[in-house]
Amino acid sequence: MREISQELEEQSFEEQALICLIDGAKALERAVKDVFNFITNKVIIVDIIHVLEYIWLIAHLKYAQGSDEVREYVYDTLVSILQGNVVRYIKELQNELESGNWKAAQRKTFTKVITYLENHKAYLKYDDYLARGWDDKKLGYC
């Protein structure tokens, strides 16, 4: 990351932000903020693939593995998150956790997913990123 940082020192990020795609690890988030501290126009984004892993965890709690319901749940949730509904999804999960008759292991999974999304919601603004045209075909990443 420091090598990339040195290469970027000569570039201007006034017009286009530096896009930093991460997996959600707190250590990586801190490293990006530290190493690229000289770039004020930077945006950290959690890779949607990592968010999908958490959606699948919930889908498998709610529906039979391999079922159409699982795939529909994942697809519908993914589309909703891409449309900017992360906070709504977190609230739905919290309500399901509180109102459901879940086993201890299932409750732990719900809590894990809710915590992950809550901790990273600032980096899950996919509707904004897509509206700005920030997709992998147009951008370089750190």
N, C-alpha and C. Protein backbone atom coordinates (compact mmCIF):
# COMPACT_ATOMS: atom_id res chain seq x y z
N MET A 1 0.82 -1.18 0.00
CA MET A 1 0.00 0.00 0.00
C MET A 1 0.87 1.25 0.00
N ARG A 2 2.01 1.18 0.69
CA ARG A 2 2.90 2.34 0.73
C ARG A 2 3.50 2.62 -0.65
N GLU A 3 3.79 1.57 -1.43
CA GLU A 3 4.30 1.75 -2.79
C GLU A 3 3.26 2.47 -3.65
N ILE A 4 2.03 2.07 -3.53
CA ILE A 4 0.95 2.73 -4.27
C ILE A 4 0.85 4.17 -3.82
N SER A 5 0.97 4.40 -2.53
CA SER A 5 0.90 5.74 -1.97
C SER A 5 1.96 6.65 -2.59
N GLN A 6 3.17 6.13 -2.73
CA GLN A 6 4.26 6.92 -3.31
C GLN A 6 3.96 7.27 -4.77
N GLU A 7 3.38 6.34 -5.50
CA GLU A 7 3.01 6.61 -6.88
C GLU A 7 1.92 7.66 -6.97
N LEU A 8 1.04 7.70 -6.00
CA LEU A 8 -0.09 8.61 -6.03
C LEU A 8 0.24 10.02 -5.56
N GLU A 9 1.39 10.19 -4.91
CA GLU A 9 1.75 11.49 -4.37
C GLU A 9 1.81 12.56 -5.45
N GLU A 10 2.14 12.18 -6.66
CA GLU A 10 2.26 13.13 -7.76
C GLU A 10 0.93 13.40 -8.46
N GLN A 11 -0.10 12.63 -8.16
CA GLN A 11 -1.37 12.77 -8.85
C GLN A 11 -2.31 13.71 -8.10
N SER A 12 -3.18 14.31 -8.86
CA SER A 12 -4.17 15.21 -8.28
C SER A 12 -5.50 14.47 -8.17
N PHE A 13 -6.13 14.60 -7.04
CA PHE A 13 -7.44 13.99 -6.82
C PHE A 13 -8.50 15.05 -6.56
N GLU A 14 -8.31 16.19 -7.21
CA GLU A 14 -9.29 17.26 -7.07
C GLU A 14 -10.54 16.97 -7.89
N GLU A 15 -10.36 16.50 -9.10
CA GLU A 15 -11.48 16.22 -10.00
C GLU A 15 -12.12 14.86 -9.72
N GLN A 16 -11.31 13.87 -9.57
CA GLN A 16 -11.77 12.49 -9.36
C GLN A 16 -11.23 11.97 -8.03
N ALA A 17 -12.11 11.40 -7.23
CA ALA A 17 -11.70 10.85 -5.93
C ALA A 17 -10.86 9.60 -6.11
N LEU A 18 -10.01 9.35 -5.13
CA LEU A 18 -9.32 8.08 -5.04
C LEU A 18 -10.32 7.08 -4.45
N ILE A 19 -10.61 6.03 -5.16
CA ILE A 19 -11.56 5.02 -4.71
C ILE A 19 -10.77 3.89 -4.07
N CYS A 20 -11.06 3.59 -2.82
CA CYS A 20 -10.38 2.53 -2.08
C CYS A 20 -11.37 1.43 -1.78
N LEU A 21 -11.23 0.33 -2.46
CA LEU A 21 -12.13 -0.80 -2.31
C LEU A 21 -11.54 -1.76 -1.28
N ILE A 22 -12.31 -2.03 -0.21
CA ILE A 22 -11.82 -2.89 0.86
C ILE A 22 -12.82 -4.01 1.13
N ASP A 23 -12.38 -4.96 1.94
CA ASP A 23 -13.24 -6.10 2.29
C ASP A 23 -14.01 -5.87 3.59
N GLY A 24 -13.73 -4.79 4.27
CA GLY A 24 -14.43 -4.50 5.52
C GLY A 24 -13.59 -4.73 6.76
N ALA A 25 -12.40 -5.25 6.60
CA ALA A 25 -11.52 -5.46 7.75
C ALA A 25 -11.15 -4.10 8.34
N LYS A 26 -11.32 -3.96 9.64
CA LYS A 26 -11.03 -2.69 10.31
C LYS A 26 -9.55 -2.30 10.14
N ALA A 27 -8.66 -3.28 10.18
CA ALA A 27 -7.24 -2.99 10.01
C ALA A 27 -6.95 -2.40 8.63
N LEU A 28 -7.62 -2.91 7.63
CA LEU A 28 -7.45 -2.39 6.27
C LEU A 28 -8.02 -0.98 6.16
N GLU A 29 -9.16 -0.76 6.76
CA GLU A 29 -9.77 0.58 6.78
C GLU A 29 -8.81 1.58 7.42
N ARG A 30 -8.24 1.21 8.56
CA ARG A 30 -7.29 2.10 9.25
C ARG A 30 -6.05 2.34 8.39
N ALA A 31 -5.57 1.29 7.74
CA ALA A 31 -4.38 1.42 6.89
C ALA A 31 -4.63 2.37 5.73
N VAL A 32 -5.79 2.25 5.10
CA VAL A 32 -6.13 3.14 3.98
C VAL A 32 -6.16 4.59 4.47
N LYS A 33 -6.79 4.82 5.60
CA LYS A 33 -6.87 6.18 6.14
C LYS A 33 -5.49 6.71 6.50
N ASP A 34 -4.64 5.86 7.04
CA ASP A 34 -3.30 6.27 7.46
C ASP A 34 -2.38 6.50 6.26
N VAL A 35 -2.29 5.50 5.40
CA VAL A 35 -1.35 5.56 4.28
C VAL A 35 -1.72 6.65 3.28
N PHE A 36 -3.00 6.83 3.05
CA PHE A 36 -3.45 7.82 2.07
C PHE A 36 -3.98 9.09 2.74
N ASN A 37 -3.44 9.40 3.92
CA ASN A 37 -3.93 10.56 4.68
C ASN A 37 -3.72 11.88 3.96
N PHE A 38 -2.80 11.94 3.03
CA PHE A 38 -2.52 13.16 2.29
C PHE A 38 -3.54 13.41 1.18
N ILE A 39 -4.39 12.45 0.91
CA ILE A 39 -5.42 12.60 -0.12
C ILE A 39 -6.75 12.84 0.59
N THR A 40 -7.25 14.04 0.49
CA THR A 40 -8.51 14.37 1.16
C THR A 40 -9.72 13.88 0.37
N ASN A 41 -9.58 13.82 -0.93
CA ASN A 41 -10.69 13.39 -1.79
C ASN A 41 -10.58 11.88 -2.07
N LYS A 42 -10.88 11.11 -1.03
CA LYS A 42 -10.85 9.64 -1.18
C LYS A 42 -12.17 9.08 -0.66
N VAL A 43 -12.55 7.97 -1.24
CA VAL A 43 -13.79 7.30 -0.84
C VAL A 43 -13.47 5.84 -0.58
N ILE A 44 -13.87 5.37 0.58
CA ILE A 44 -13.71 3.96 0.93
C ILE A 44 -15.02 3.26 0.63
N ILE A 45 -14.92 2.15 -0.09
CA ILE A 45 -16.09 1.36 -0.45
C ILE A 45 -15.84 -0.09 -0.04
N VAL A 46 -16.81 -0.69 0.64
CA VAL A 46 -16.71 -2.12 0.93
C VAL A 46 -17.20 -2.87 -0.31
N ASP A 47 -16.37 -3.78 -0.77
CA ASP A 47 -16.68 -4.59 -1.95
C ASP A 47 -18.01 -5.31 -1.73
N ILE A 48 -18.92 -5.20 -2.68
CA ILE A 48 -20.25 -5.79 -2.56
C ILE A 48 -20.18 -7.31 -2.40
N ILE A 49 -19.13 -7.93 -2.90
CA ILE A 49 -18.98 -9.39 -2.75
C ILE A 49 -18.93 -9.77 -1.28
N HIS A 50 -18.28 -8.96 -0.48
CA HIS A 50 -18.20 -9.26 0.95
C HIS A 50 -19.54 -9.04 1.64
N VAL A 51 -20.29 -8.06 1.20
CA VAL A 51 -21.63 -7.85 1.73
C VAL A 51 -22.52 -9.04 1.36
N LEU A 52 -22.36 -9.53 0.15
CA LEU A 52 -23.14 -10.69 -0.30
C LEU A 52 -22.93 -11.90 0.60
N GLU A 53 -21.72 -12.10 1.09
CA GLU A 53 -21.45 -13.22 1.99
C GLU A 53 -22.36 -13.16 3.22
N TYR A 54 -22.58 -11.96 3.73
CA TYR A 54 -23.42 -11.79 4.91
C TYR A 54 -24.90 -11.98 4.57
N ILE A 55 -25.30 -11.53 3.39
CA ILE A 55 -26.68 -11.74 2.96
C ILE A 55 -26.96 -13.24 2.85
N TRP A 56 -26.01 -13.98 2.30
CA TRP A 56 -26.18 -15.44 2.18
C TRP A 56 -26.34 -16.10 3.56
N LEU A 57 -25.61 -15.61 4.55
CA LEU A 57 -25.74 -16.17 5.90
C LEU A 57 -27.18 -16.07 6.39
N ILE A 58 -27.78 -14.91 6.20
CA ILE A 58 -29.18 -14.72 6.64
C ILE A 58 -30.12 -15.57 5.79
N ALA A 59 -29.88 -15.60 4.50
CA ALA A 59 -30.75 -16.39 3.60
C ALA A 59 -30.79 -17.85 4.03
N HIS A 60 -29.64 -18.38 4.42
CA HIS A 60 -29.58 -19.79 4.83
C HIS A 60 -30.21 -20.02 6.20
N LEU A 61 -30.35 -18.99 7.00
CA LEU A 61 -31.07 -19.12 8.26
C LEU A 61 -32.58 -19.18 8.02
N LYS A 62 -33.01 -18.43 7.04
CA LYS A 62 -34.44 -18.26 6.82
C LYS A 62 -35.06 -19.29 5.88
N TYR A 63 -34.27 -19.83 4.96
CA TYR A 63 -34.81 -20.71 3.92
C TYR A 63 -33.94 -21.94 3.73
N ALA A 64 -34.52 -22.95 3.12
CA ALA A 64 -33.79 -24.20 2.87
C ALA A 64 -32.66 -23.94 1.88
N GLN A 65 -31.50 -24.48 2.20
CA GLN A 65 -30.33 -24.31 1.34
C GLN A 65 -30.62 -24.83 -0.06
N GLY A 66 -30.24 -24.02 -1.06
CA GLY A 66 -30.43 -24.41 -2.45
C GLY A 66 -31.83 -24.14 -2.98
N SER A 67 -32.71 -23.61 -2.16
CA SER A 67 -34.09 -23.38 -2.58
C SER A 67 -34.20 -22.11 -3.41
N ASP A 68 -35.31 -22.01 -4.12
CA ASP A 68 -35.59 -20.79 -4.88
C ASP A 68 -35.72 -19.60 -3.95
N GLU A 69 -36.28 -19.82 -2.75
CA GLU A 69 -36.45 -18.75 -1.78
C GLU A 69 -35.11 -18.14 -1.37
N VAL A 70 -34.11 -18.99 -1.22
CA VAL A 70 -32.78 -18.49 -0.85
C VAL A 70 -32.26 -17.56 -1.93
N ARG A 71 -32.30 -18.02 -3.16
CA ARG A 71 -31.79 -17.21 -4.27
C ARG A 71 -32.60 -15.91 -4.44
N GLU A 72 -33.91 -16.00 -4.30
CA GLU A 72 -34.75 -14.81 -4.41
C GLU A 72 -34.44 -13.81 -3.29
N TYR A 73 -34.27 -14.31 -2.07
CA TYR A 73 -33.95 -13.46 -0.94
C TYR A 73 -32.62 -12.73 -1.19
N VAL A 74 -31.61 -13.47 -1.61
CA VAL A 74 -30.30 -12.86 -1.85
C VAL A 74 -30.40 -11.82 -2.96
N TYR A 75 -31.06 -12.17 -4.06
CA TYR A 75 -31.19 -11.25 -5.17
C TYR A 75 -31.94 -9.99 -4.75
N ASP A 76 -33.10 -10.15 -4.13
CA ASP A 76 -33.91 -9.00 -3.72
C ASP A 76 -33.17 -8.12 -2.72
N THR A 77 -32.47 -8.74 -1.78
CA THR A 77 -31.72 -7.97 -0.79
C THR A 77 -30.56 -7.23 -1.44
N LEU A 78 -29.86 -7.89 -2.34
CA LEU A 78 -28.75 -7.25 -3.05
C LEU A 78 -29.24 -6.03 -3.82
N VAL A 79 -30.32 -6.18 -4.57
CA VAL A 79 -30.87 -5.06 -5.34
C VAL A 79 -31.25 -3.92 -4.40
N SER A 80 -31.88 -4.23 -3.30
CA SER A 80 -32.28 -3.21 -2.33
C SER A 80 -31.07 -2.47 -1.77
N ILE A 81 -30.02 -3.19 -1.44
CA ILE A 81 -28.81 -2.56 -0.92
C ILE A 81 -28.15 -1.69 -1.99
N LEU A 82 -28.12 -2.16 -3.22
CA LEU A 82 -27.56 -1.37 -4.31
C LEU A 82 -28.38 -0.09 -4.55
N GLN A 83 -29.64 -0.12 -4.17
CA GLN A 83 -30.51 1.05 -4.31
C GLN A 83 -30.43 1.98 -3.10
N GLY A 84 -29.57 1.66 -2.14
CA GLY A 84 -29.35 2.55 -1.01
C GLY A 84 -30.14 2.23 0.24
N ASN A 85 -30.62 1.03 0.37
CA ASN A 85 -31.48 0.67 1.50
C ASN A 85 -30.78 -0.15 2.58
N VAL A 86 -29.53 0.16 2.85
CA VAL A 86 -28.78 -0.58 3.86
C VAL A 86 -29.39 -0.38 5.25
N VAL A 87 -29.71 0.84 5.61
CA VAL A 87 -30.26 1.12 6.95
C VAL A 87 -31.60 0.40 7.11
N ARG A 88 -32.41 0.41 6.08
CA ARG A 88 -33.69 -0.30 6.14
C ARG A 88 -33.48 -1.80 6.35
N TYR A 89 -32.50 -2.36 5.66
CA TYR A 89 -32.20 -3.79 5.82
C TYR A 89 -31.72 -4.09 7.24
N ILE A 90 -30.88 -3.25 7.78
CA ILE A 90 -30.41 -3.43 9.16
C ILE A 90 -31.60 -3.45 10.12
N LYS A 91 -32.52 -2.52 9.95
CA LYS A 91 -33.71 -2.47 10.81
C LYS A 91 -34.58 -3.72 10.64
N GLU A 92 -34.72 -4.19 9.41
CA GLU A 92 -35.47 -5.42 9.18
C GLU A 92 -34.84 -6.59 9.92
N LEU A 93 -33.53 -6.68 9.85
CA LEU A 93 -32.83 -7.77 10.54
C LEU A 93 -32.99 -7.65 12.05
N GLN A 94 -32.88 -6.44 12.57
CA GLN A 94 -33.05 -6.22 14.01
C GLN A 94 -34.46 -6.63 14.44
N ASN A 95 -35.45 -6.26 13.65
CA ASN A 95 -36.84 -6.63 13.97
C ASN A 95 -37.03 -8.15 13.92
N GLU A 96 -36.46 -8.78 12.91
CA GLU A 96 -36.57 -10.24 12.81
C GLU A 96 -35.88 -10.93 13.98
N LEU A 97 -34.74 -10.42 14.36
CA LEU A 97 -34.01 -10.99 15.49
C LEU A 97 -34.83 -10.88 16.76
N GLU A 98 -35.41 -9.72 17.00
CA GLU A 98 -36.18 -9.49 18.22
C GLU A 98 -37.50 -10.24 18.25
N SER A 99 -38.14 -10.37 17.10
CA SER A 99 -39.47 -10.98 17.08
C SER A 99 -39.47 -12.47 16.76
N GLY A 100 -38.34 -12.99 16.29
CA GLY A 100 -38.29 -14.40 15.89
C GLY A 100 -37.95 -15.33 17.03
N ASN A 101 -38.26 -16.57 16.83
CA ASN A 101 -37.94 -17.62 17.80
C ASN A 101 -36.68 -18.34 17.30
N TRP A 102 -35.56 -17.67 17.42
CA TRP A 102 -34.31 -18.17 16.87
C TRP A 102 -33.51 -18.91 17.92
N LYS A 103 -32.78 -19.93 17.50
CA LYS A 103 -31.85 -20.64 18.38
C LYS A 103 -30.64 -19.74 18.63
N ALA A 104 -29.87 -20.09 19.64
CA ALA A 104 -28.72 -19.26 20.03
C ALA A 104 -27.75 -19.05 18.87
N ALA A 105 -27.45 -20.10 18.12
CA ALA A 105 -26.51 -19.98 16.99
C ALA A 105 -27.08 -19.07 15.90
N GLN A 106 -28.38 -19.15 15.69
CA GLN A 106 -29.01 -18.29 14.68
C GLN A 106 -28.99 -16.84 15.13
N ARG A 107 -29.25 -16.63 16.41
CA ARG A 107 -29.21 -15.26 16.96
C ARG A 107 -27.80 -14.68 16.81
N LYS A 108 -26.82 -15.53 17.02
CA LYS A 108 -25.43 -15.09 16.88
C LYS A 108 -25.14 -14.67 15.44
N THR A 109 -25.66 -15.42 14.48
CA THR A 109 -25.46 -15.08 13.07
C THR A 109 -26.16 -13.76 12.74
N PHE A 110 -27.39 -13.59 13.20
CA PHE A 110 -28.10 -12.33 12.98
C PHE A 110 -27.27 -11.17 13.53
N THR A 111 -26.79 -11.32 14.75
CA THR A 111 -26.02 -10.27 15.40
C THR A 111 -24.74 -9.97 14.62
N LYS A 112 -24.09 -11.00 14.14
CA LYS A 112 -22.86 -10.85 13.34
C LYS A 112 -23.14 -10.02 12.08
N VAL A 113 -24.20 -10.35 11.38
CA VAL A 113 -24.54 -9.65 10.14
C VAL A 113 -24.95 -8.21 10.42
N ILE A 114 -25.78 -8.02 11.42
CA ILE A 114 -26.22 -6.67 11.80
C ILE A 114 -25.01 -5.81 12.17
N THR A 115 -24.12 -6.35 12.96
CA THR A 115 -22.92 -5.62 13.39
C THR A 115 -22.05 -5.24 12.21
N TYR A 116 -21.83 -6.19 11.31
CA TYR A 116 -21.01 -5.93 10.12
C TYR A 116 -21.61 -4.78 9.31
N LEU A 117 -22.90 -4.86 9.02
CA LEU A 117 -23.56 -3.83 8.22
C LEU A 117 -23.57 -2.49 8.94
N GLU A 118 -23.85 -2.51 10.22
CA GLU A 118 -23.88 -1.28 11.01
C GLU A 118 -22.49 -0.62 11.03
N ASN A 119 -21.45 -1.42 11.24
CA ASN A 119 -20.09 -0.89 11.31
C ASN A 119 -19.60 -0.33 9.97
N HIS A 120 -20.18 -0.80 8.87
CA HIS A 120 -19.68 -0.41 7.55
C HIS A 120 -20.67 0.39 6.71
N LYS A 121 -21.80 0.77 7.27
CA LYS A 121 -22.84 1.43 6.46
C LYS A 121 -22.34 2.70 5.78
N ALA A 122 -21.36 3.36 6.35
CA ALA A 122 -20.80 4.57 5.71
C ALA A 122 -20.08 4.23 4.40
N TYR A 123 -19.73 2.97 4.22
CA TYR A 123 -19.01 2.54 3.02
C TYR A 123 -19.87 1.67 2.11
N LEU A 124 -21.17 1.71 2.33
CA LEU A 124 -22.10 0.87 1.56
C LEU A 124 -23.11 1.73 0.80
N LYS A 125 -22.70 2.87 0.33
CA LYS A 125 -23.59 3.80 -0.37
C LYS A 125 -23.55 3.53 -1.88
N TYR A 126 -23.90 2.32 -2.23
CA TYR A 126 -23.77 1.88 -3.62
C TYR A 126 -24.62 2.69 -4.59
N ASP A 127 -25.77 3.13 -4.15
CA ASP A 127 -26.61 3.95 -5.03
C ASP A 127 -25.88 5.24 -5.41
N ASP A 128 -25.21 5.84 -4.46
CA ASP A 128 -24.44 7.05 -4.72
C ASP A 128 -23.25 6.75 -5.63
N TYR A 129 -22.53 5.67 -5.33
CA TYR A 129 -21.35 5.33 -6.13
C TYR A 129 -21.74 5.09 -7.58
N LEU A 130 -22.81 4.35 -7.79
CA LEU A 130 -23.26 4.05 -9.15
C LEU A 130 -23.77 5.31 -9.85
N ALA A 131 -24.47 6.18 -9.12
CA ALA A 131 -24.97 7.42 -9.71
C ALA A 131 -23.81 8.31 -10.17
N ARG A 132 -22.69 8.22 -9.48
CA ARG A 132 -21.51 9.01 -9.86
C ARG A 132 -20.73 8.36 -11.00
N GLY A 133 -21.15 7.16 -11.40
CA GLY A 133 -20.46 6.47 -12.47
C GLY A 133 -19.23 5.72 -12.01
N TRP A 134 -19.15 5.47 -10.70
CA TRP A 134 -18.00 4.77 -10.16
C TRP A 134 -18.22 3.28 -10.29
N ASP A 135 -17.76 2.74 -11.39
CA ASP A 135 -17.81 1.29 -11.55
C ASP A 135 -16.43 0.83 -11.99
N ASP A 136 -16.23 -0.47 -11.99
CA ASP A 136 -14.89 -1.00 -12.24
C ASP A 136 -14.39 -0.79 -13.66
N LYS A 137 -15.22 -0.33 -14.55
CA LYS A 137 -14.79 -0.10 -15.93
C LYS A 137 -14.18 1.28 -16.11
N LYS A 138 -14.43 2.18 -15.17
CA LYS A 138 -13.99 3.56 -15.33
C LYS A 138 -12.94 4.00 -14.32
N LEU A 139 -12.68 3.21 -13.31
CA LEU A 139 -11.85 3.69 -12.22
C LEU A 139 -10.65 2.81 -11.96
N GLY A 140 -9.64 3.42 -11.37
CA GLY A 140 -8.53 2.69 -10.78
C GLY A 140 -8.76 2.67 -9.28
N TYR A 141 -8.25 1.68 -8.63
CA TYR A 141 -8.46 1.52 -7.20
C TYR A 141 -7.14 1.48 -6.46
N CYS A 142 -7.21 1.82 -5.19
CA CYS A 142 -6.02 1.67 -4.35
C CYS A 142 -6.05 0.30 -3.71
